[in-house]
Amino acid sequence: MPHYEQVRHAISARKHSLESIVDGIRSRKNGMQDENHEVEEKMIHRLNQIEAEAKDMISYCEQTENALRREI
């Protein structure tokens, strides 16, 4: 059982880190108002992609956490 707890802790830490990345991306997108419009659009598009990937990983972390809870 201690192994499950270590895994759950690691997953939780990773999820928290990913949530911080998503928050940072949102802040960065909000701060881009004064930049060149074309550059801004490309950067926002890429940030949206990164945000979506991070959200997918958060979802995976949550699914793994739930699976571990059922195993315990």
C-alpha atoms as a PDB file:
ATOM      1  CA  MET A   1       0.000   0.000   0.000  1.00  0.00           C
ATOM      2  CA  PRO A   2       2.766   2.551   0.635  1.00  0.00           C
ATOM      3  CA  HIS A   3       3.698   2.274  -3.042  1.00  0.00           C
ATOM      4  CA  TYR A   4       0.176   3.370  -4.037  1.00  0.00           C
ATOM      5  CA  GLU A   5       0.441   6.348  -1.709  1.00  0.00           C
ATOM      6  CA  GLN A   6       3.756   7.371  -3.268  1.00  0.00           C
ATOM      7  CA  VAL A   7       2.270   7.103  -6.750  1.00  0.00           C
ATOM      8  CA  ARG A   8      -0.820   9.073  -5.726  1.00  0.00           C
ATOM      9  CA  HIS A   9       1.399  11.762  -4.213  1.00  0.00           C
ATOM     10  CA  ALA A  10       3.518  11.960  -7.382  1.00  0.00           C
ATOM     11  CA  ILE A  11       0.416  12.173  -9.566  1.00  0.00           C
ATOM     12  CA  SER A  12      -1.067  14.858  -7.347  1.00  0.00           C
ATOM     13  CA  ALA A  13       2.142  16.891  -7.507  1.00  0.00           C
ATOM     14  CA  ARG A  14       2.249  16.550 -11.303  1.00  0.00           C
ATOM     15  CA  LYS A  15      -1.394  17.594 -11.570  1.00  0.00           C
ATOM     16  CA  HIS A  16      -0.715  20.662  -9.425  1.00  0.00           C
ATOM     17  CA  SER A  17       2.270  21.544 -11.617  1.00  0.00           C
ATOM     18  CA  LEU A  18       0.156  21.213 -14.770  1.00  0.00           C
ATOM     19  CA  GLU A  19      -2.560  23.395 -13.263  1.00  0.00           C
ATOM     20  CA  SER A  20       0.091  26.055 -12.568  1.00  0.00           C
ATOM     21  CA  ILE A  21       1.185  25.841 -16.208  1.00  0.00           C
ATOM     22  CA  VAL A  22      -2.414  26.358 -17.359  1.00  0.00           C
ATOM     23  CA  ASP A  23      -2.745  29.378 -15.041  1.00  0.00           C
ATOM     24  CA  GLY A  24       0.509  30.808 -16.390  1.00  0.00           C
ATOM     25  CA  ILE A  25      -0.646  30.331 -19.974  1.00  0.00           C
ATOM     26  CA  ARG A  26      -3.872  32.170 -19.248  1.00  0.00           C
ATOM     27  CA  SER A  27      -1.947  35.035 -17.664  1.00  0.00           C
ATOM     28  CA  ARG A  28       0.435  35.176 -20.622  1.00  0.00           C
ATOM     29  CA  LYS A  29      -2.437  35.264 -23.116  1.00  0.00           C
ATOM     30  CA  ASN A  30      -4.095  38.074 -21.163  1.00  0.00           C
ATOM     31  CA  GLY A  31      -0.849  40.076 -21.195  1.00  0.00           C
ATOM     32  CA  MET A  32      -0.355  39.901 -24.962  1.00  0.00           C
ATOM     33  CA  GLN A  33      -2.722  42.711 -25.845  1.00  0.00           C
ATOM     34  CA  ASP A  34       0.002  45.200 -26.783  1.00  0.00           C
ATOM     35  CA  GLU A  35       2.094  42.940 -29.014  1.00  0.00           C
ATOM     36  CA  ASN A  36       2.102  42.745 -32.801  1.00  0.00           C
ATOM     37  CA  HIS A  37      -1.246  41.304 -33.906  1.00  0.00           C
ATOM     38  CA  GLU A  38       0.155  38.536 -36.153  1.00  0.00           C
ATOM     39  CA  VAL A  39       2.720  37.440 -33.582  1.00  0.00           C
ATOM     40  CA  GLU A  40       0.026  37.619 -30.914  1.00  0.00           C
ATOM     41  CA  GLU A  41      -2.299  35.330 -32.891  1.00  0.00           C
ATOM     42  CA  LYS A  42       0.439  32.740 -33.477  1.00  0.00           C
ATOM     43  CA  MET A  43       1.536  32.822 -29.849  1.00  0.00           C
ATOM     44  CA  ILE A  44      -2.025  32.561 -28.536  1.00  0.00           C
ATOM     45  CA  HIS A  45      -2.666  29.626 -30.888  1.00  0.00           C
ATOM     46  CA  ARG A  46       0.421  27.830 -29.555  1.00  0.00           C
ATOM     47  CA  LEU A  47      -0.483  28.651 -25.947  1.00  0.00           C
ATOM     48  CA  ASN A  48      -3.969  27.250 -26.571  1.00  0.00           C
ATOM     49  CA  GLN A  49      -2.374  24.028 -27.849  1.00  0.00           C
ATOM     50  CA  ILE A  50      -0.133  23.780 -24.779  1.00  0.00           C
ATOM     51  CA  GLU A  51      -3.080  24.521 -22.508  1.00  0.00           C
ATOM     52  CA  ALA A  52      -5.134  21.755 -24.154  1.00  0.00           C
ATOM     53  CA  GLU A  53      -2.256  19.284 -23.771  1.00  0.00           C
ATOM     54  CA  ALA A  54      -1.844  20.224 -20.109  1.00  0.00           C
ATOM     55  CA  LYS A  55      -5.581  19.798 -19.510  1.00  0.00           C
ATOM     56  CA  ASP A  56      -5.431  16.362 -21.152  1.00  0.00           C
ATOM     57  CA  MET A  57      -2.585  15.402 -18.832  1.00  0.00           C
ATOM     58  CA  ILE A  58      -4.524  16.734 -15.820  1.00  0.00           C
ATOM     59  CA  SER A  59      -7.473  14.587 -16.861  1.00  0.00           C
ATOM     60  CA  TYR A  60      -5.184  11.571 -17.165  1.00  0.00           C
ATOM     61  CA  CYS A  61      -3.783  12.274 -13.686  1.00  0.00           C
ATOM     62  CA  GLU A  62      -7.295  12.446 -12.277  1.00  0.00           C
ATOM     63  CA  GLN A  63      -8.278   9.175 -13.972  1.00  0.00           C
ATOM     64  CA  THR A  64      -5.145   7.494 -12.616  1.00  0.00           C
ATOM     65  CA  GLU A  65      -5.819   8.842  -9.119  1.00  0.00           C
ATOM     66  CA  ASN A  66      -9.360   7.478  -9.259  1.00  0.00           C
ATOM     67  CA  ALA A  67      -8.153   4.095 -10.490  1.00  0.00           C
ATOM     68  CA  LEU A  68      -5.641   3.932  -7.632  1.00  0.00           C
ATOM     69  CA  ARG A  69      -8.339   4.784  -5.108  1.00  0.00           C
ATOM     70  CA  ARG A  70     -10.429   1.876  -6.400  1.00  0.00           C
ATOM     71  CA  GLU A  71      -7.390  -0.419  -6.088  1.00  0.00           C
ATOM     72  CA  ILE A  72      -6.722   0.491  -2.449  1.00  0.00           C
END
